[in-house]
Structures are given as structure tokens and as C-alpha cells.
Amino acid sequence: MAKMSTNTSCSTGCPVKKTLSLFEGKYSAYILSELISGKQRFSALLKKIPGISSKTLNDKLKYYTATGIVTRRAYPEIPPRVEYELTEQGASLKTVMDSLYQFGSTVEFLNEENEANAKAAG
């Protein structure tokens, strides 16, 4: 495991920025969380993630496939069957997700009132 740098500045190519870019967007954490649990069909992901449109899901899965985080496997069947699965590199995000969950579970300042105030301020 790479040692965390004590350098707090993050310029081009920063590992933190690269990692956080995977979580950009409203549904990213949900998609990755579902894929961490195992191979998923497109239609199953669409049903499991409330409010996501098929276009948004498709766009995010294309992005994750292009970055090497997810593999896409299409089967020559009728009706078509497409499955998505995390690559080995993508599966390593489980520790990141676990850490985010742990942090979110212990942070007391993140409540609805403070979140509303933060949104209003900035």
C-alpha cells in the first residue's frame, strides 16, 4: 500500500483528486456500492438505484469502463444481456467506500440543519 504523502497541496495528477473524480455526481457512490456487491445487470442496477435514469446510468458505466474500474460483458442473446463487474482495480475501491462509510457514521456535524446552512452559505 502506498504511503500517504504529508504534502497537503494537490496539483495535476494528484491521487486524491483522481480518486474523488470517481465519486463525482449524484449516483456514483450508489453505482459503485452496488457493483462492490458483485456482478450486476444493467436492468438490476436501474431498479436498485432510485431516481437514476437509464441515460445517467449508461453514461456513468461508460465512464467507469473507460477508466478501467468496470468491465462490461455483453452476451449474444435475445433479449440482450449485459453485465457489469468491477475490475481488480475497481474492487480495491471497497476499502475507500468502507472508510467513507466509517467516517460518515462518526461525523456529528453533518446533520440536515448544518447541511442546509452550508448549502445556503456557498
N, C-alpha and C. Protein backbone atom coordinates (compact mmCIF):
# COMPACT_ATOMS: atom_id res chain seq x y z
N MET A 1 0.84 -1.18 0.00
CA MET A 1 0.00 0.00 0.00
C MET A 1 0.88 1.23 0.00
N ALA A 2 0.52 2.22 -0.81
CA ALA A 2 1.30 3.44 -0.93
C ALA A 2 1.17 4.26 0.34
N LYS A 3 2.29 4.86 0.73
CA LYS A 3 2.30 5.71 1.90
C LYS A 3 1.64 7.04 1.56
N MET A 4 0.81 7.52 2.47
CA MET A 4 0.14 8.79 2.24
C MET A 4 1.14 9.92 2.39
N SER A 5 1.11 10.82 1.46
CA SER A 5 2.01 11.95 1.46
C SER A 5 1.62 12.95 2.53
N THR A 6 2.62 13.57 3.12
CA THR A 6 2.34 14.63 4.09
C THR A 6 2.18 15.97 3.38
N ASN A 7 2.40 15.99 2.06
CA ASN A 7 2.23 17.19 1.27
C ASN A 7 0.74 17.44 1.10
N THR A 8 0.26 18.56 1.60
CA THR A 8 -1.18 18.82 1.56
C THR A 8 -1.63 19.48 0.27
N SER A 9 -0.69 19.97 -0.55
CA SER A 9 -1.10 20.56 -1.82
C SER A 9 -1.35 19.44 -2.82
N CYS A 10 -2.30 19.65 -3.66
CA CYS A 10 -2.66 18.61 -4.62
C CYS A 10 -2.75 19.25 -6.00
N SER A 11 -1.75 18.95 -6.82
CA SER A 11 -1.71 19.54 -8.16
C SER A 11 -2.13 18.51 -9.20
N THR A 12 -1.82 18.77 -10.43
CA THR A 12 -2.17 17.87 -11.53
C THR A 12 -1.67 16.46 -11.25
N GLY A 13 -2.54 15.50 -11.45
CA GLY A 13 -2.17 14.10 -11.23
C GLY A 13 -2.27 13.67 -9.78
N CYS A 14 -2.84 14.49 -8.95
CA CYS A 14 -2.97 14.19 -7.52
C CYS A 14 -3.81 12.93 -7.32
N PRO A 15 -3.29 11.96 -6.58
CA PRO A 15 -4.04 10.71 -6.35
C PRO A 15 -5.39 10.93 -5.66
N VAL A 16 -5.46 11.91 -4.78
CA VAL A 16 -6.73 12.18 -4.09
C VAL A 16 -7.76 12.70 -5.08
N LYS A 17 -7.36 13.64 -5.94
CA LYS A 17 -8.29 14.17 -6.93
C LYS A 17 -8.73 13.08 -7.90
N LYS A 18 -7.81 12.21 -8.31
CA LYS A 18 -8.17 11.12 -9.23
C LYS A 18 -9.20 10.21 -8.58
N THR A 19 -9.00 9.89 -7.32
CA THR A 19 -9.93 9.01 -6.62
C THR A 19 -11.29 9.68 -6.44
N LEU A 20 -11.27 10.94 -6.02
CA LEU A 20 -12.54 11.65 -5.81
C LEU A 20 -13.32 11.83 -7.11
N SER A 21 -12.63 11.90 -8.24
CA SER A 21 -13.32 12.05 -9.52
C SER A 21 -14.23 10.86 -9.81
N LEU A 22 -13.90 9.70 -9.25
CA LEU A 22 -14.74 8.51 -9.44
C LEU A 22 -16.08 8.64 -8.70
N PHE A 23 -16.12 9.54 -7.71
CA PHE A 23 -17.33 9.70 -6.89
C PHE A 23 -18.12 10.95 -7.28
N GLU A 24 -17.71 11.62 -8.35
CA GLU A 24 -18.43 12.82 -8.78
C GLU A 24 -19.80 12.43 -9.30
N GLY A 25 -20.76 13.25 -9.01
CA GLY A 25 -22.12 13.00 -9.48
C GLY A 25 -22.99 12.40 -8.40
N LYS A 26 -24.25 12.64 -8.55
CA LYS A 26 -25.25 12.25 -7.56
C LYS A 26 -25.32 10.74 -7.31
N TYR A 27 -25.11 9.93 -8.34
CA TYR A 27 -25.34 8.50 -8.22
C TYR A 27 -24.08 7.65 -8.17
N SER A 28 -22.92 8.26 -8.25
CA SER A 28 -21.68 7.50 -8.35
C SER A 28 -21.46 6.53 -7.19
N ALA A 29 -21.64 7.02 -5.98
CA ALA A 29 -21.43 6.16 -4.81
C ALA A 29 -22.41 5.00 -4.81
N TYR A 30 -23.65 5.24 -5.24
CA TYR A 30 -24.64 4.17 -5.30
C TYR A 30 -24.25 3.10 -6.31
N ILE A 31 -23.82 3.55 -7.48
CA ILE A 31 -23.42 2.61 -8.53
C ILE A 31 -22.26 1.75 -8.07
N LEU A 32 -21.23 2.41 -7.54
CA LEU A 32 -20.05 1.66 -7.08
C LEU A 32 -20.40 0.72 -5.94
N SER A 33 -21.25 1.16 -5.06
CA SER A 33 -21.66 0.32 -3.94
C SER A 33 -22.36 -0.94 -4.43
N GLU A 34 -23.25 -0.80 -5.40
CA GLU A 34 -23.94 -1.97 -5.96
C GLU A 34 -22.96 -2.91 -6.67
N LEU A 35 -22.00 -2.35 -7.37
CA LEU A 35 -21.03 -3.18 -8.08
C LEU A 35 -20.05 -3.86 -7.13
N ILE A 36 -19.79 -3.26 -5.98
CA ILE A 36 -18.93 -3.89 -4.99
C ILE A 36 -19.56 -5.19 -4.51
N SER A 37 -20.88 -5.23 -4.48
CA SER A 37 -21.56 -6.45 -4.01
C SER A 37 -21.52 -7.56 -5.05
N GLY A 38 -21.05 -7.27 -6.26
CA GLY A 38 -20.90 -8.32 -7.27
C GLY A 38 -21.40 -7.89 -8.64
N LYS A 39 -21.29 -8.82 -9.57
CA LYS A 39 -21.69 -8.61 -10.96
C LYS A 39 -23.16 -8.22 -11.02
N GLN A 40 -23.47 -7.22 -11.86
CA GLN A 40 -24.84 -6.71 -11.95
C GLN A 40 -25.25 -6.50 -13.39
N ARG A 41 -26.49 -6.81 -13.68
CA ARG A 41 -27.06 -6.48 -14.98
C ARG A 41 -27.52 -5.02 -14.96
N PHE A 42 -27.54 -4.43 -16.16
CA PHE A 42 -27.94 -3.03 -16.28
C PHE A 42 -29.33 -2.83 -15.68
N SER A 43 -30.26 -3.69 -16.03
CA SER A 43 -31.63 -3.53 -15.55
C SER A 43 -31.72 -3.65 -14.02
N ALA A 44 -30.90 -4.50 -13.43
CA ALA A 44 -30.91 -4.64 -11.98
C ALA A 44 -30.38 -3.37 -11.32
N LEU A 45 -29.32 -2.81 -11.88
CA LEU A 45 -28.79 -1.55 -11.34
C LEU A 45 -29.83 -0.45 -11.43
N LEU A 46 -30.52 -0.39 -12.55
CA LEU A 46 -31.54 0.63 -12.76
C LEU A 46 -32.64 0.53 -11.70
N LYS A 47 -33.01 -0.69 -11.34
CA LYS A 47 -34.05 -0.90 -10.33
C LYS A 47 -33.55 -0.62 -8.91
N LYS A 48 -32.28 -0.91 -8.65
CA LYS A 48 -31.74 -0.77 -7.30
C LYS A 48 -31.37 0.66 -6.92
N ILE A 49 -31.21 1.53 -7.90
CA ILE A 49 -30.79 2.90 -7.62
C ILE A 49 -31.96 3.84 -7.89
N PRO A 50 -32.67 4.25 -6.84
CA PRO A 50 -33.86 5.07 -7.01
C PRO A 50 -33.56 6.41 -7.67
N GLY A 51 -34.37 6.76 -8.66
CA GLY A 51 -34.27 8.06 -9.29
C GLY A 51 -33.28 8.18 -10.43
N ILE A 52 -32.45 7.18 -10.64
CA ILE A 52 -31.46 7.27 -11.72
C ILE A 52 -32.13 6.99 -13.06
N SER A 53 -31.75 7.75 -14.07
CA SER A 53 -32.29 7.49 -15.41
C SER A 53 -31.38 6.51 -16.12
N SER A 54 -31.90 5.85 -17.14
CA SER A 54 -31.08 4.90 -17.88
C SER A 54 -29.92 5.62 -18.58
N LYS A 55 -30.14 6.86 -19.00
CA LYS A 55 -29.06 7.63 -19.65
C LYS A 55 -27.93 7.91 -18.67
N THR A 56 -28.28 8.36 -17.48
CA THR A 56 -27.28 8.66 -16.46
C THR A 56 -26.51 7.40 -16.09
N LEU A 57 -27.22 6.31 -15.87
CA LEU A 57 -26.56 5.05 -15.53
C LEU A 57 -25.64 4.61 -16.66
N ASN A 58 -26.13 4.68 -17.88
CA ASN A 58 -25.32 4.29 -19.03
C ASN A 58 -24.07 5.15 -19.14
N ASP A 59 -24.21 6.46 -18.98
CA ASP A 59 -23.07 7.37 -19.06
C ASP A 59 -22.03 7.07 -17.98
N LYS A 60 -22.48 6.84 -16.75
CA LYS A 60 -21.54 6.54 -15.65
C LYS A 60 -20.85 5.21 -15.89
N LEU A 61 -21.59 4.20 -16.35
CA LEU A 61 -20.97 2.90 -16.59
C LEU A 61 -19.95 2.98 -17.73
N LYS A 62 -20.25 3.79 -18.75
CA LYS A 62 -19.27 4.01 -19.84
C LYS A 62 -18.01 4.67 -19.29
N TYR A 63 -18.20 5.65 -18.44
CA TYR A 63 -17.06 6.34 -17.82
C TYR A 63 -16.22 5.36 -17.00
N TYR A 64 -16.87 4.56 -16.17
CA TYR A 64 -16.14 3.60 -15.34
C TYR A 64 -15.45 2.53 -16.19
N THR A 65 -16.07 2.15 -17.29
CA THR A 65 -15.45 1.18 -18.20
C THR A 65 -14.21 1.80 -18.85
N ALA A 66 -14.32 3.05 -19.27
CA ALA A 66 -13.19 3.74 -19.91
C ALA A 66 -12.03 3.94 -18.95
N THR A 67 -12.33 4.12 -17.66
CA THR A 67 -11.26 4.32 -16.68
C THR A 67 -10.65 3.01 -16.19
N GLY A 68 -11.24 1.88 -16.58
CA GLY A 68 -10.69 0.59 -16.16
C GLY A 68 -11.17 0.12 -14.81
N ILE A 69 -12.21 0.76 -14.29
CA ILE A 69 -12.76 0.40 -12.99
C ILE A 69 -13.81 -0.71 -13.13
N VAL A 70 -14.48 -0.73 -14.28
CA VAL A 70 -15.58 -1.67 -14.52
C VAL A 70 -15.36 -2.38 -15.86
N THR A 71 -15.76 -3.64 -15.90
CA THR A 71 -15.79 -4.36 -17.18
C THR A 71 -17.24 -4.54 -17.60
N ARG A 72 -17.45 -4.52 -18.89
CA ARG A 72 -18.79 -4.70 -19.47
C ARG A 72 -18.74 -5.96 -20.31
N ARG A 73 -19.70 -6.83 -20.08
CA ARG A 73 -19.77 -8.06 -20.86
C ARG A 73 -21.16 -8.20 -21.45
N ALA A 74 -21.21 -8.19 -22.78
CA ALA A 74 -22.48 -8.34 -23.49
C ALA A 74 -22.57 -9.77 -24.02
N TYR A 75 -23.70 -10.37 -23.81
CA TYR A 75 -23.94 -11.74 -24.27
C TYR A 75 -24.81 -11.70 -25.53
N PRO A 76 -24.45 -12.50 -26.53
CA PRO A 76 -25.23 -12.51 -27.78
C PRO A 76 -26.53 -13.30 -27.62
N GLU A 77 -27.45 -12.73 -26.91
CA GLU A 77 -28.73 -13.39 -26.63
C GLU A 77 -29.87 -12.46 -27.00
N ILE A 78 -31.04 -13.03 -27.10
CA ILE A 78 -32.24 -12.24 -27.29
C ILE A 78 -33.19 -12.62 -26.16
N PRO A 79 -33.61 -11.69 -25.33
CA PRO A 79 -33.21 -10.28 -25.31
C PRO A 79 -31.75 -10.13 -24.88
N PRO A 80 -31.13 -9.02 -25.26
CA PRO A 80 -29.72 -8.81 -24.92
C PRO A 80 -29.49 -8.82 -23.41
N ARG A 81 -28.37 -9.36 -23.02
CA ARG A 81 -28.00 -9.38 -21.60
C ARG A 81 -26.62 -8.75 -21.49
N VAL A 82 -26.51 -7.74 -20.64
CA VAL A 82 -25.24 -7.04 -20.41
C VAL A 82 -24.99 -7.04 -18.92
N GLU A 83 -23.78 -7.43 -18.54
CA GLU A 83 -23.40 -7.45 -17.13
C GLU A 83 -22.19 -6.55 -16.91
N TYR A 84 -22.19 -5.93 -15.75
CA TYR A 84 -21.10 -5.06 -15.34
C TYR A 84 -20.49 -5.60 -14.07
N GLU A 85 -19.17 -5.50 -14.00
CA GLU A 85 -18.46 -6.01 -12.83
C GLU A 85 -17.22 -5.15 -12.59
N LEU A 86 -16.87 -4.99 -11.32
CA LEU A 86 -15.66 -4.24 -11.01
C LEU A 86 -14.43 -5.03 -11.45
N THR A 87 -13.45 -4.32 -11.96
CA THR A 87 -12.17 -4.95 -12.25
C THR A 87 -11.44 -5.13 -10.92
N GLU A 88 -10.26 -5.72 -10.96
CA GLU A 88 -9.48 -5.87 -9.74
C GLU A 88 -9.18 -4.49 -9.14
N GLN A 89 -8.83 -3.53 -10.01
CA GLN A 89 -8.58 -2.18 -9.54
C GLN A 89 -9.86 -1.56 -8.97
N GLY A 90 -10.98 -1.79 -9.63
CA GLY A 90 -12.25 -1.27 -9.14
C GLY A 90 -12.63 -1.87 -7.80
N ALA A 91 -12.35 -3.16 -7.63
CA ALA A 91 -12.67 -3.84 -6.37
C ALA A 91 -11.89 -3.25 -5.20
N SER A 92 -10.73 -2.65 -5.50
CA SER A 92 -9.95 -2.03 -4.43
C SER A 92 -10.65 -0.80 -3.86
N LEU A 93 -11.67 -0.30 -4.55
CA LEU A 93 -12.46 0.82 -4.03
C LEU A 93 -13.27 0.44 -2.79
N LYS A 94 -13.41 -0.85 -2.53
CA LYS A 94 -14.17 -1.28 -1.36
C LYS A 94 -13.59 -0.69 -0.09
N THR A 95 -12.27 -0.66 0.02
CA THR A 95 -11.66 -0.09 1.22
C THR A 95 -11.93 1.41 1.32
N VAL A 96 -11.96 2.09 0.18
CA VAL A 96 -12.28 3.51 0.16
C VAL A 96 -13.73 3.71 0.61
N MET A 97 -14.63 2.92 0.05
CA MET A 97 -16.05 3.02 0.42
C MET A 97 -16.26 2.70 1.90
N ASP A 98 -15.56 1.68 2.40
CA ASP A 98 -15.65 1.34 3.82
C ASP A 98 -15.18 2.50 4.69
N SER A 99 -14.09 3.14 4.27
CA SER A 99 -13.56 4.29 5.04
C SER A 99 -14.53 5.46 5.01
N LEU A 100 -15.12 5.73 3.84
CA LEU A 100 -16.11 6.82 3.73
C LEU A 100 -17.32 6.53 4.61
N TYR A 101 -17.76 5.28 4.61
CA TYR A 101 -18.90 4.90 5.45
C TYR A 101 -18.57 5.11 6.92
N GLN A 102 -17.39 4.64 7.32
CA GLN A 102 -16.96 4.77 8.71
C GLN A 102 -16.87 6.24 9.11
N PHE A 103 -16.29 7.06 8.25
CA PHE A 103 -16.17 8.49 8.54
C PHE A 103 -17.56 9.11 8.66
N GLY A 104 -18.43 8.83 7.71
CA GLY A 104 -19.78 9.39 7.72
C GLY A 104 -20.58 8.96 8.93
N SER A 105 -20.29 7.78 9.46
CA SER A 105 -21.01 7.28 10.63
C SER A 105 -20.60 7.98 11.91
N THR A 106 -19.40 8.54 11.92
CA THR A 106 -18.90 9.14 13.15
C THR A 106 -18.92 10.66 13.16
N VAL A 107 -19.15 11.27 12.03
CA VAL A 107 -19.13 12.73 11.96
C VAL A 107 -20.46 13.27 12.46
N GLU A 108 -20.39 14.07 13.51
CA GLU A 108 -21.60 14.59 14.13
C GLU A 108 -22.08 15.89 13.50
N PHE A 109 -21.19 16.65 12.89
CA PHE A 109 -21.59 17.95 12.37
C PHE A 109 -22.39 17.84 11.08
N LEU A 110 -22.45 16.67 10.50
CA LEU A 110 -23.21 16.51 9.26
C LEU A 110 -24.64 16.09 9.59
N ASN A 111 -25.47 17.04 9.82
CA ASN A 111 -26.89 16.76 10.02
C ASN A 111 -27.67 17.64 9.06
N GLU A 112 -28.94 17.44 8.98
CA GLU A 112 -29.76 18.15 8.00
C GLU A 112 -29.71 19.67 8.17
N GLU A 113 -29.74 20.14 9.39
CA GLU A 113 -29.73 21.58 9.64
C GLU A 113 -28.40 22.18 9.18
N ASN A 114 -27.29 21.57 9.57
CA ASN A 114 -25.98 22.09 9.18
C ASN A 114 -25.76 21.96 7.67
N GLU A 115 -26.27 20.90 7.08
CA GLU A 115 -26.15 20.74 5.63
C GLU A 115 -26.90 21.84 4.90
N ALA A 116 -28.11 22.16 5.37
CA ALA A 116 -28.90 23.24 4.78
C ALA A 116 -28.18 24.59 4.92
N ASN A 117 -27.59 24.84 6.09
CA ASN A 117 -26.85 26.08 6.30
C ASN A 117 -25.63 26.15 5.40
N ALA A 118 -24.94 25.04 5.22
CA ALA A 118 -23.75 25.02 4.37
C ALA A 118 -24.13 25.29 2.92
N LYS A 119 -25.23 24.72 2.46
CA LYS A 119 -25.68 24.96 1.09
C LYS A 119 -26.07 26.42 0.89
N ALA A 120 -26.71 27.00 1.90
CA ALA A 120 -27.13 28.39 1.80
C ALA A 120 -25.94 29.34 1.79
N ALA A 121 -24.87 28.95 2.47
CA ALA A 121 -23.68 29.79 2.55
C ALA A 121 -22.81 29.74 1.32
N GLY A 122 -22.91 28.68 0.57
CA GLY A 122 -21.96 28.63 -0.50
C GLY A 122 -22.40 28.05 -1.74
